[in-house]
């Protein structure tokens, strides 16, 4: 599949990451006992926007929206960026985890 349909593989990777983010947002909201409407009112976003952020598929929410969501639910956002290890030249020391 990786060779025959790289577009499908890429979409599957995006959806997996989106699902993880969505489930974390939902869990954060649930722990606070908030509804989607509560979060929407507190962030100034629409309930539809909150539902899209918690959807397992679809577009990734922007970092500002994630920060607003996490802030009103008593959470925080941590971002880690590093190169794919398979792309690093052989023998070159790594400065990333």
PDB file of N, CA and C in Angstrom:
ATOM      1  N   UNK A   1       0.840  -1.191   0.000  1.00  0.00           N
ATOM      2  CA  UNK A   1       0.000   0.000   0.000  1.00  0.00           C
ATOM      3  C   UNK A   1       0.877   1.244   0.000  1.00  0.00           C
ATOM      4  N   UNK A   2       1.991   1.216   0.745  1.00  0.00           N
ATOM      5  CA  UNK A   2       2.855   2.390   0.840  1.00  0.00           C
ATOM      6  C   UNK A   2       3.339   2.836  -0.536  1.00  0.00           C
ATOM      7  N   UNK A   3       3.640   1.895  -1.386  1.00  0.00           N
ATOM      8  CA  UNK A   3       4.154   2.233  -2.715  1.00  0.00           C
ATOM      9  C   UNK A   3       3.016   2.540  -3.677  1.00  0.00           C
ATOM     10  N   UNK A   4       1.979   1.730  -3.641  1.00  0.00           N
ATOM     11  CA  UNK A   4       0.875   1.884  -4.586  1.00  0.00           C
ATOM     12  C   UNK A   4       0.020   3.112  -4.307  1.00  0.00           C
ATOM     13  N   UNK A   5      -0.205   3.446  -3.054  1.00  0.00           N
ATOM     14  CA  UNK A   5      -1.088   4.556  -2.706  1.00  0.00           C
ATOM     15  C   UNK A   5      -0.483   5.419  -1.597  1.00  0.00           C
ATOM     16  N   UNK A   6       0.592   6.142  -1.892  1.00  0.00           N
ATOM     17  CA  UNK A   6       1.196   6.984  -0.853  1.00  0.00           C
ATOM     18  C   UNK A   6       0.241   8.055  -0.330  1.00  0.00           C
ATOM     19  N   UNK A   7      -0.726   8.467  -1.149  1.00  0.00           N
ATOM     20  CA  UNK A   7      -1.699   9.461  -0.701  1.00  0.00           C
ATOM     21  C   UNK A   7      -2.584   8.903   0.413  1.00  0.00           C
ATOM     22  N   UNK A   8      -2.951   7.652   0.301  1.00  0.00           N
ATOM     23  CA  UNK A   8      -3.779   7.016   1.324  1.00  0.00           C
ATOM     24  C   UNK A   8      -2.979   6.849   2.615  1.00  0.00           C
ATOM     25  N   UNK A   9      -1.728   6.472   2.477  1.00  0.00           N
ATOM     26  CA  UNK A   9      -0.865   6.305   3.649  1.00  0.00           C
ATOM     27  C   UNK A   9      -0.708   7.637   4.371  1.00  0.00           C
ATOM     28  N   UNK A  10      -0.487   8.699   3.633  1.00  0.00           N
ATOM     29  CA  UNK A  10      -0.334  10.027   4.238  1.00  0.00           C
ATOM     30  C   UNK A  10      -1.621  10.468   4.919  1.00  0.00           C
ATOM     31  N   UNK A  11      -2.753  10.244   4.292  1.00  0.00           N
ATOM     32  CA  UNK A  11      -4.036  10.606   4.891  1.00  0.00           C
ATOM     33  C   UNK A  11      -4.271   9.808   6.178  1.00  0.00           C
ATOM     34  N   UNK A  12      -3.904   8.526   6.171  1.00  0.00           N
ATOM     35  CA  UNK A  12      -4.050   7.696   7.364  1.00  0.00           C
ATOM     36  C   UNK A  12      -3.187   8.239   8.507  1.00  0.00           C
ATOM     37  N   UNK A  13      -1.967   8.667   8.209  1.00  0.00           N
ATOM     38  CA  UNK A  13      -1.089   9.245   9.232  1.00  0.00           C
ATOM     39  C   UNK A  13      -1.689  10.529   9.806  1.00  0.00           C
ATOM     40  N   UNK A  14      -2.196  11.408   8.923  1.00  0.00           N
ATOM     41  CA  UNK A  14      -2.822  12.657   9.381  1.00  0.00           C
ATOM     42  C   UNK A  14      -4.023  12.378  10.259  1.00  0.00           C
ATOM     43  N   UNK A  15      -4.878  11.437   9.837  1.00  0.00           N
ATOM     44  CA  UNK A  15      -6.073  11.116  10.613  1.00  0.00           C
ATOM     45  C   UNK A  15      -5.716  10.508  11.960  1.00  0.00           C
ATOM     46  N   UNK A  16      -4.655   9.731  12.020  1.00  0.00           N
ATOM     47  CA  UNK A  16      -4.225   9.146  13.287  1.00  0.00           C
ATOM     48  C   UNK A  16      -3.799  10.252  14.251  1.00  0.00           C
ATOM     49  N   UNK A  17      -3.024  11.195  13.766  1.00  0.00           N
ATOM     50  CA  UNK A  17      -2.582  12.310  14.605  1.00  0.00           C
ATOM     51  C   UNK A  17      -3.773  13.178  15.002  1.00  0.00           C
ATOM     52  N   UNK A  18      -4.661  13.459  14.066  1.00  0.00           N
ATOM     53  CA  UNK A  18      -5.843  14.273  14.354  1.00  0.00           C
ATOM     54  C   UNK A  18      -6.709  13.589  15.401  1.00  0.00           C
ATOM     55  N   UNK A  19      -6.874  12.279  15.292  1.00  0.00           N
ATOM     56  CA  UNK A  19      -7.666  11.530  16.264  1.00  0.00           C
ATOM     57  C   UNK A  19      -7.067  11.625  17.660  1.00  0.00           C
ATOM     58  N   UNK A  20      -5.755  11.535  17.744  1.00  0.00           N
ATOM     59  CA  UNK A  20      -5.076  11.628  19.040  1.00  0.00           C
ATOM     60  C   UNK A  20      -5.315  12.991  19.678  1.00  0.00           C
ATOM     61  N   UNK A  21      -5.168  14.042  18.886  1.00  0.00           N
ATOM     62  CA  UNK A  21      -5.393  15.401  19.393  1.00  0.00           C
ATOM     63  C   UNK A  21      -6.846  15.560  19.826  1.00  0.00           C
ATOM     64  N   UNK A  22      -7.772  15.099  19.007  1.00  0.00           N
ATOM     65  CA  UNK A  22      -9.198  15.227  19.312  1.00  0.00           C
ATOM     66  C   UNK A  22      -9.563  14.513  20.611  1.00  0.00           C
ATOM     67  N   UNK A  23      -9.030  13.313  20.801  1.00  0.00           N
ATOM     68  CA  UNK A  23      -9.344  12.564  22.020  1.00  0.00           C
ATOM     69  C   UNK A  23      -8.752  13.236  23.256  1.00  0.00           C
ATOM     70  N   UNK A  24      -7.586  13.839  23.106  1.00  0.00           N
ATOM     71  CA  UNK A  24      -6.984  14.549  24.235  1.00  0.00           C
ATOM     72  C   UNK A  24      -7.797  15.786  24.595  1.00  0.00           C
ATOM     73  N   UNK A  25      -8.281  16.501  23.589  1.00  0.00           N
ATOM     74  CA  UNK A  25      -9.127  17.665  23.854  1.00  0.00           C
ATOM     75  C   UNK A  25     -10.402  17.247  24.570  1.00  0.00           C
ATOM     76  N   UNK A  26     -11.026  16.201  24.088  1.00  0.00           N
ATOM     77  CA  UNK A  26     -12.269  15.719  24.690  1.00  0.00           C
ATOM     78  C   UNK A  26     -12.028  15.291  26.136  1.00  0.00           C
ATOM     79  N   UNK A  27     -10.943  14.559  26.372  1.00  0.00           N
ATOM     80  CA  UNK A  27     -10.635  14.098  27.726  1.00  0.00           C
ATOM     81  C   UNK A  27     -10.388  15.285  28.656  1.00  0.00           C
ATOM     82  N   UNK A  28      -9.680  16.291  28.166  1.00  0.00           N
ATOM     83  CA  UNK A  28      -9.411  17.485  28.966  1.00  0.00           C
ATOM     84  C   UNK A  28     -10.714  18.185  29.333  1.00  0.00           C
ATOM     85  N   UNK A  29     -11.606  18.313  28.359  1.00  0.00           N
ATOM     86  CA  UNK A  29     -12.898  18.957  28.605  1.00  0.00           C
ATOM     87  C   UNK A  29     -13.738  18.143  29.580  1.00  0.00           C
ATOM     88  N   UNK A  30     -13.742  16.832  29.395  1.00  0.00           N
ATOM     89  CA  UNK A  30     -14.523  15.956  30.279  1.00  0.00           C
ATOM     90  C   UNK A  30     -14.040  16.029  31.724  1.00  0.00           C
ATOM     91  N   UNK A  31     -12.731  16.066  31.925  1.00  0.00           N
ATOM     92  CA  UNK A  31     -12.171  16.139  33.280  1.00  0.00           C
ATOM     93  C   UNK A  31     -12.657  17.395  33.989  1.00  0.00           C
ATOM     94  N   UNK A  32     -12.811  18.472  33.243  1.00  0.00           N
ATOM     95  CA  UNK A  32     -13.296  19.729  33.824  1.00  0.00           C
ATOM     96  C   UNK A  32     -14.810  19.770  33.959  1.00  0.00           C
ATOM     97  N   UNK A  33     -15.489  18.748  33.419  1.00  0.00           N
ATOM     98  CA  UNK A  33     -16.946  18.716  33.503  1.00  0.00           C
ATOM     99  C   UNK A  33     -17.603  19.771  32.627  1.00  0.00           C
ATOM    100  N   UNK A  34     -16.954  20.124  31.539  1.00  0.00           N
ATOM    101  CA  UNK A  34     -17.471  21.166  30.651  1.00  0.00           C
ATOM    102  C   UNK A  34     -18.128  20.552  29.428  1.00  0.00           C
ATOM    103  N   UNK A  35     -19.119  21.245  28.895  1.00  0.00           N
ATOM    104  CA  UNK A  35     -19.733  20.858  27.630  1.00  0.00           C
ATOM    105  C   UNK A  35     -19.004  21.587  26.499  1.00  0.00           C
ATOM    106  N   UNK A  36     -19.279  21.167  25.286  1.00  0.00           N
ATOM    107  CA  UNK A  36     -18.712  21.883  24.141  1.00  0.00           C
ATOM    108  C   UNK A  36     -19.184  23.332  24.141  1.00  0.00           C
ATOM    109  N   UNK A  37     -20.429  23.541  24.518  1.00  0.00           N
ATOM    110  CA  UNK A  37     -20.963  24.902  24.575  1.00  0.00           C
ATOM    111  C   UNK A  37     -20.232  25.736  25.628  1.00  0.00           C
ATOM    112  N   UNK A  38     -19.922  25.140  26.778  1.00  0.00           N
ATOM    113  CA  UNK A  38     -19.158  25.847  27.812  1.00  0.00           C
ATOM    114  C   UNK A  38     -17.809  26.317  27.267  1.00  0.00           C
ATOM    115  N   UNK A  39     -17.118  25.414  26.584  1.00  0.00           N
ATOM    116  CA  UNK A  39     -15.800  25.746  26.032  1.00  0.00           C
ATOM    117  C   UNK A  39     -15.932  26.820  24.950  1.00  0.00           C
ATOM    118  N   UNK A  40     -16.961  26.681  24.124  1.00  0.00           N
ATOM    119  CA  UNK A  40     -17.176  27.672  23.059  1.00  0.00           C
ATOM    120  C   UNK A  40     -17.395  29.065  23.657  1.00  0.00           C
ATOM    121  N   UNK A  41     -18.236  29.161  24.658  1.00  0.00           N
ATOM    122  CA  UNK A  41     -18.497  30.461  25.277  1.00  0.00           C
ATOM    123  C   UNK A  41     -17.251  31.034  25.934  1.00  0.00           C
ATOM    124  N   UNK A  42     -16.496  30.187  26.619  1.00  0.00           N
ATOM    125  CA  UNK A  42     -15.306  30.657  27.336  1.00  0.00           C
ATOM    126  C   UNK A  42     -14.174  31.064  26.395  1.00  0.00           C
ATOM    127  N   UNK A  43     -14.113  30.463  25.209  1.00  0.00           N
ATOM    128  CA  UNK A  43     -13.039  30.774  24.260  1.00  0.00           C
ATOM    129  C   UNK A  43     -13.448  31.813  23.225  1.00  0.00           C
ATOM    130  N   UNK A  44     -14.746  32.036  23.091  1.00  0.00           N
ATOM    131  CA  UNK A  44     -15.216  32.932  22.041  1.00  0.00           C
ATOM    132  C   UNK A  44     -15.323  32.245  20.696  1.00  0.00           C
ATOM    133  N   UNK A  45     -15.164  30.924  20.674  1.00  0.00           N
ATOM    134  CA  UNK A  45     -15.321  30.156  19.440  1.00  0.00           C
ATOM    135  C   UNK A  45     -16.756  29.642  19.384  1.00  0.00           C
ATOM    136  N   UNK A  46     -17.156  29.124  18.254  1.00  0.00           N
ATOM    137  CA  UNK A  46     -18.494  28.552  18.119  1.00  0.00           C
ATOM    138  C   UNK A  46     -18.490  27.099  18.602  1.00  0.00           C
ATOM    139  N   UNK A  47     -19.678  26.607  18.920  1.00  0.00           N
ATOM    140  CA  UNK A  47     -19.809  25.207  19.306  1.00  0.00           C
ATOM    141  C   UNK A  47     -19.425  24.304  18.133  1.00  0.00           C
ATOM    142  N   UNK A  48     -19.737  24.731  16.931  1.00  0.00           N
ATOM    143  CA  UNK A  48     -19.357  23.969  15.731  1.00  0.00           C
ATOM    144  C   UNK A  48     -17.838  23.847  15.657  1.00  0.00           C
ATOM    145  N   UNK A  49     -17.126  24.939  15.932  1.00  0.00           N
ATOM    146  CA  UNK A  49     -15.656  24.928  15.904  1.00  0.00           C
ATOM    147  C   UNK A  49     -15.110  23.947  16.948  1.00  0.00           C
ATOM    148  N   UNK A  50     -15.681  23.956  18.144  1.00  0.00           N
ATOM    149  CA  UNK A  50     -15.239  23.043  19.199  1.00  0.00           C
ATOM    150  C   UNK A  50     -15.487  21.603  18.771  1.00  0.00           C
ATOM    151  N   UNK A  51     -16.658  21.341  18.184  1.00  0.00           N
ATOM    152  CA  UNK A  51     -16.976  19.989  17.700  1.00  0.00           C
ATOM    153  C   UNK A  51     -15.995  19.559  16.617  1.00  0.00           C
ATOM    154  N   UNK A  52     -15.608  20.466  15.728  1.00  0.00           N
ATOM    155  CA  UNK A  52     -14.629  20.146  14.683  1.00  0.00           C
ATOM    156  C   UNK A  52     -13.269  19.834  15.293  1.00  0.00           C
ATOM    157  N   UNK A  53     -12.891  20.573  16.326  1.00  0.00           N
ATOM    158  CA  UNK A  53     -11.610  20.317  16.986  1.00  0.00           C
ATOM    159  C   UNK A  53     -11.604  18.943  17.642  1.00  0.00           C
ATOM    160  N   UNK A  54     -12.766  18.509  18.146  1.00  0.00           N
ATOM    161  CA  UNK A  54     -12.878  17.210  18.806  1.00  0.00           C
ATOM    162  C   UNK A  54     -13.218  16.077  17.840  1.00  0.00           C
ATOM    163  N   UNK A  55     -13.399  16.405  16.571  1.00  0.00           N
ATOM    164  CA  UNK A  55     -13.702  15.381  15.576  1.00  0.00           C
ATOM    165  C   UNK A  55     -12.462  14.536  15.307  1.00  0.00           C
ATOM    166  N   UNK A  56     -12.657  13.234  15.114  1.00  0.00           N
ATOM    167  CA  UNK A  56     -11.538  12.315  14.897  1.00  0.00           C
ATOM    168  C   UNK A  56     -10.891  12.472  13.529  1.00  0.00           C
ATOM    169  N   UNK A  57     -11.568  13.120  12.613  1.00  0.00           N
ATOM    170  CA  UNK A  57     -11.029  13.361  11.274  1.00  0.00           C
ATOM    171  C   UNK A  57     -11.257  14.812  10.905  1.00  0.00           C
ATOM    172  N   UNK A  58     -10.625  15.221   9.837  1.00  0.00           N
ATOM    173  CA  UNK A  58     -10.821  16.589   9.366  1.00  0.00           C
ATOM    174  C   UNK A  58      -9.575  17.427   9.546  1.00  0.00           C
ATOM    175  N   UNK A  59      -9.771  18.718   9.413  1.00  0.00           N
ATOM    176  CA  UNK A  59      -8.647  19.653   9.468  1.00  0.00           C
ATOM    177  C   UNK A  59      -8.073  19.747  10.875  1.00  0.00           C
ATOM    178  N   UNK A  60      -6.770  19.976  10.942  1.00  0.00           N
ATOM    179  CA  UNK A  60      -6.112  20.192  12.224  1.00  0.00           C
ATOM    180  C   UNK A  60      -6.482  21.568  12.752  1.00  0.00           C
ATOM    181  N   UNK A  61      -6.753  21.670  14.036  1.00  0.00           N
ATOM    182  CA  UNK A  61      -6.992  22.993  14.614  1.00  0.00           C
ATOM    183  C   UNK A  61      -5.692  23.783  14.665  1.00  0.00           C
ATOM    184  N   UNK A  62      -5.792  25.087  14.578  1.00  0.00           N
ATOM    185  CA  UNK A  62      -4.617  25.943  14.677  1.00  0.00           C
ATOM    186  C   UNK A  62      -4.087  25.973  16.105  1.00  0.00           C
ATOM    187  N   UNK A  63      -2.818  26.305  16.245  1.00  0.00           N
ATOM    188  CA  UNK A  63      -2.188  26.325  17.561  1.00  0.00           C
ATOM    189  C   UNK A  63      -2.859  27.330  18.495  1.00  0.00           C
ATOM    190  N   UNK A  64      -3.276  28.469  17.987  1.00  0.00           N
ATOM    191  CA  UNK A  64      -3.956  29.465  18.836  1.00  0.00           C
ATOM    192  C   UNK A  64      -5.276  28.917  19.367  1.00  0.00           C
ATOM    193  N   UNK A  65      -6.024  28.226  18.510  1.00  0.00           N
ATOM    194  CA  UNK A  65      -7.281  27.628  18.957  1.00  0.00           C
ATOM    195  C   UNK A  65      -7.026  26.533  19.993  1.00  0.00           C
ATOM    196  N   UNK A  66      -5.991  25.731  19.773  1.00  0.00           N
ATOM    197  CA  UNK A  66      -5.638  24.703  20.749  1.00  0.00           C
ATOM    198  C   UNK A  66      -5.262  25.322  22.088  1.00  0.00           C
ATOM    199  N   UNK A  67      -4.503  26.404  22.042  1.00  0.00           N
ATOM    200  CA  UNK A  67      -4.105  27.093  23.277  1.00  0.00           C
ATOM    201  C   UNK A  67      -5.324  27.634  24.019  1.00  0.00           C
ATOM    202  N   UNK A  68      -6.253  28.240  23.296  1.00  0.00           N
ATOM    203  CA  UNK A  68      -7.457  28.786  23.923  1.00  0.00           C
ATOM    204  C   UNK A  68      -8.279  27.678  24.559  1.00  0.00           C
ATOM    205  N   UNK A  69      -8.440  26.571  23.838  1.00  0.00           N
ATOM    206  CA  UNK A  69      -9.195  25.434  24.337  1.00  0.00           C
ATOM    207  C   UNK A  69      -8.544  24.903  25.610  1.00  0.00           C
ATOM    208  N   UNK A  70      -7.262  24.633  25.541  1.00  0.00           N
ATOM    209  CA  UNK A  70      -6.547  24.078  26.695  1.00  0.00           C
ATOM    210  C   UNK A  70      -6.588  25.032  27.879  1.00  0.00           C
ATOM    211  N   UNK A  71      -6.440  26.307  27.628  1.00  0.00           N
ATOM    212  CA  UNK A  71      -6.415  27.295  28.704  1.00  0.00           C
ATOM    213  C   UNK A  71      -7.724  27.293  29.501  1.00  0.00           C
ATOM    214  N   UNK A  72      -8.849  27.308  28.816  1.00  0.00           N
ATOM    215  CA  UNK A  72     -10.128  27.358  29.539  1.00  0.00           C
ATOM    216  C   UNK A  72     -10.451  26.042  30.235  1.00  0.00           C
ATOM    217  N   UNK A  73      -9.795  24.959  29.799  1.00  0.00           N
ATOM    218  CA  UNK A  73     -10.020  23.658  30.424  1.00  0.00           C
ATOM    219  C   UNK A  73      -8.930  23.322  31.443  1.00  0.00           C
ATOM    220  N   UNK A  74      -8.065  24.286  31.733  1.00  0.00           N
ATOM    221  CA  UNK A  74      -7.027  24.065  32.731  1.00  0.00           C
ATOM    222  C   UNK A  74      -5.886  23.188  32.261  1.00  0.00           C
ATOM    223  N   UNK A  75      -5.681  23.128  30.958  1.00  0.00           N
ATOM    224  CA  UNK A  75      -4.595  22.320  30.394  1.00  0.00           C
ATOM    225  C   UNK A  75      -3.507  23.186  29.805  1.00  0.00           C
ATOM    226  N   UNK A  76      -2.591  22.561  29.128  1.00  0.00           N
ATOM    227  CA  UNK A  76      -1.518  23.292  28.457  1.00  0.00           C
ATOM    228  C   UNK A  76      -1.144  22.554  27.172  1.00  0.00           C
ATOM    229  N   UNK A  77      -0.511  23.257  26.286  1.00  0.00           N
ATOM    230  CA  UNK A  77      -0.058  22.698  25.011  1.00  0.00           C
ATOM    231  C   UNK A  77       1.453  22.598  25.061  1.00  0.00           C
ATOM    232  N   UNK A  78       1.992  21.462  24.686  1.00  0.00           N
ATOM    233  CA  UNK A  78       3.430  21.296  24.536  1.00  0.00           C
ATOM    234  C   UNK A  78       3.678  20.827  23.109  1.00  0.00           C
ATOM    235  N   UNK A  79       4.623  21.460  22.439  1.00  0.00           N
ATOM    236  CA  UNK A  79       4.927  21.119  21.054  1.00  0.00           C
ATOM    237  C   UNK A  79       6.368  20.648  20.970  1.00  0.00           C
ATOM    238  N   UNK A  80       6.560  19.538  20.298  1.00  0.00           N
ATOM    239  CA  UNK A  80       7.915  19.033  20.063  1.00  0.00           C
ATOM    240  C   UNK A  80       8.095  18.899  18.558  1.00  0.00           C
ATOM    241  N   UNK A  81       9.212  19.413  18.067  1.00  0.00           N
ATOM    242  CA  UNK A  81       9.499  19.326  16.639  1.00  0.00           C
ATOM    243  C   UNK A  81      10.898  18.750  16.478  1.00  0.00           C
ATOM    244  N   UNK A  82      11.023  17.731  15.669  1.00  0.00           N
ATOM    245  CA  UNK A  82      12.333  17.159  15.388  1.00  0.00           C
ATOM    246  C   UNK A  82      12.262  16.457  14.039  1.00  0.00           C
ATOM    247  N   UNK A  83      13.409  16.261  13.421  1.00  0.00           N
ATOM    248  CA  UNK A  83      13.403  15.618  12.103  1.00  0.00           C
ATOM    249  C   UNK A  83      13.127  14.126  12.223  1.00  0.00           C
ATOM    250  N   UNK A  84      12.585  13.580  11.174  1.00  0.00           N
ATOM    251  CA  UNK A  84      12.398  12.142  11.080  1.00  0.00           C
ATOM    252  C   UNK A  84      13.789  11.516  11.058  1.00  0.00           C
ATOM    253  N   UNK A  85      14.069  10.611  11.955  1.00  0.00           N
ATOM    254  CA  UNK A  85      15.408  10.033  12.068  1.00  0.00           C
ATOM    255  C   UNK A  85      15.851   9.358  10.776  1.00  0.00           C
ATOM    256  N   UNK A  86      14.945   8.852   9.994  1.00  0.00           N
ATOM    257  CA  UNK A  86      15.327   8.197   8.739  1.00  0.00           C
ATOM    258  C   UNK A  86      15.861   9.201   7.732  1.00  0.00           C
ATOM    259  N   UNK A  87      15.583  10.502   7.942  1.00  0.00           N
ATOM    260  CA  UNK A  87      16.061  11.528   7.016  1.00  0.00           C
ATOM    261  C   UNK A  87      17.435  12.077   7.398  1.00  0.00           C
ATOM    262  N   UNK A  88      17.935  11.716   8.590  1.00  0.00           N
ATOM    263  CA  UNK A  88      19.209  12.252   9.039  1.00  0.00           C
ATOM    264  C   UNK A  88      20.356  11.565   8.302  1.00  0.00           C
ATOM    265  N   UNK A  89      21.373  12.340   7.908  1.00  0.00           N
ATOM    266  CA  UNK A  89      22.540  11.725   7.251  1.00  0.00           C
ATOM    267  C   UNK A  89      23.238  10.763   8.201  1.00  0.00           C
ATOM    268  N   UNK A  90      23.738   9.661   7.661  1.00  0.00           N
ATOM    269  CA  UNK A  90      24.443   8.664   8.484  1.00  0.00           C
ATOM    270  C   UNK A  90      25.711   9.266   9.065  1.00  0.00           C
ATOM    271  N   UNK A  91      25.969   8.973  10.322  1.00  0.00           N
ATOM    272  CA  UNK A  91      27.208   9.423  10.943  1.00  0.00           C
ATOM    273  C   UNK A  91      27.175  10.845  11.479  1.00  0.00           C
ATOM    274  N   UNK A  92      26.098  11.591  11.220  1.00  0.00           N
ATOM    275  CA  UNK A  92      26.009  12.958  11.697  1.00  0.00           C
ATOM    276  C   UNK A  92      25.442  12.956  13.102  1.00  0.00           C
ATOM    277  N   UNK A  93      26.095  13.656  14.049  1.00  0.00           N
ATOM    278  CA  UNK A  93      25.570  13.670  15.412  1.00  0.00           C
ATOM    279  C   UNK A  93      24.188  14.326  15.451  1.00  0.00           C
ATOM    280  N   UNK A  94      23.339  13.775  16.293  1.00  0.00           N
ATOM    281  CA  UNK A  94      21.978  14.297  16.428  1.00  0.00           C
ATOM    282  C   UNK A  94      21.914  15.276  17.572  1.00  0.00           C
ATOM    283  N   UNK A  95      21.229  16.386  17.357  1.00  0.00           N
ATOM    284  CA  UNK A  95      21.016  17.343  18.439  1.00  0.00           C
ATOM    285  C   UNK A  95      19.568  17.311  18.919  1.00  0.00           C
ATOM    286  N   UNK A  96      18.821  16.361  18.384  1.00  0.00           N
ATOM    287  CA  UNK A  96      17.413  16.216  18.747  1.00  0.00           C
ATOM    288  C   UNK A  96      17.230  14.942  19.541  1.00  0.00           C
ATOM    289  N   UNK A  97      16.173  14.874  20.349  1.00  0.00           N
ATOM    290  CA  UNK A  97      15.930  13.658  21.147  1.00  0.00           C
ATOM    291  C   UNK A  97      15.697  12.441  20.286  1.00  0.00           C
TER     292      UNK A  97
END
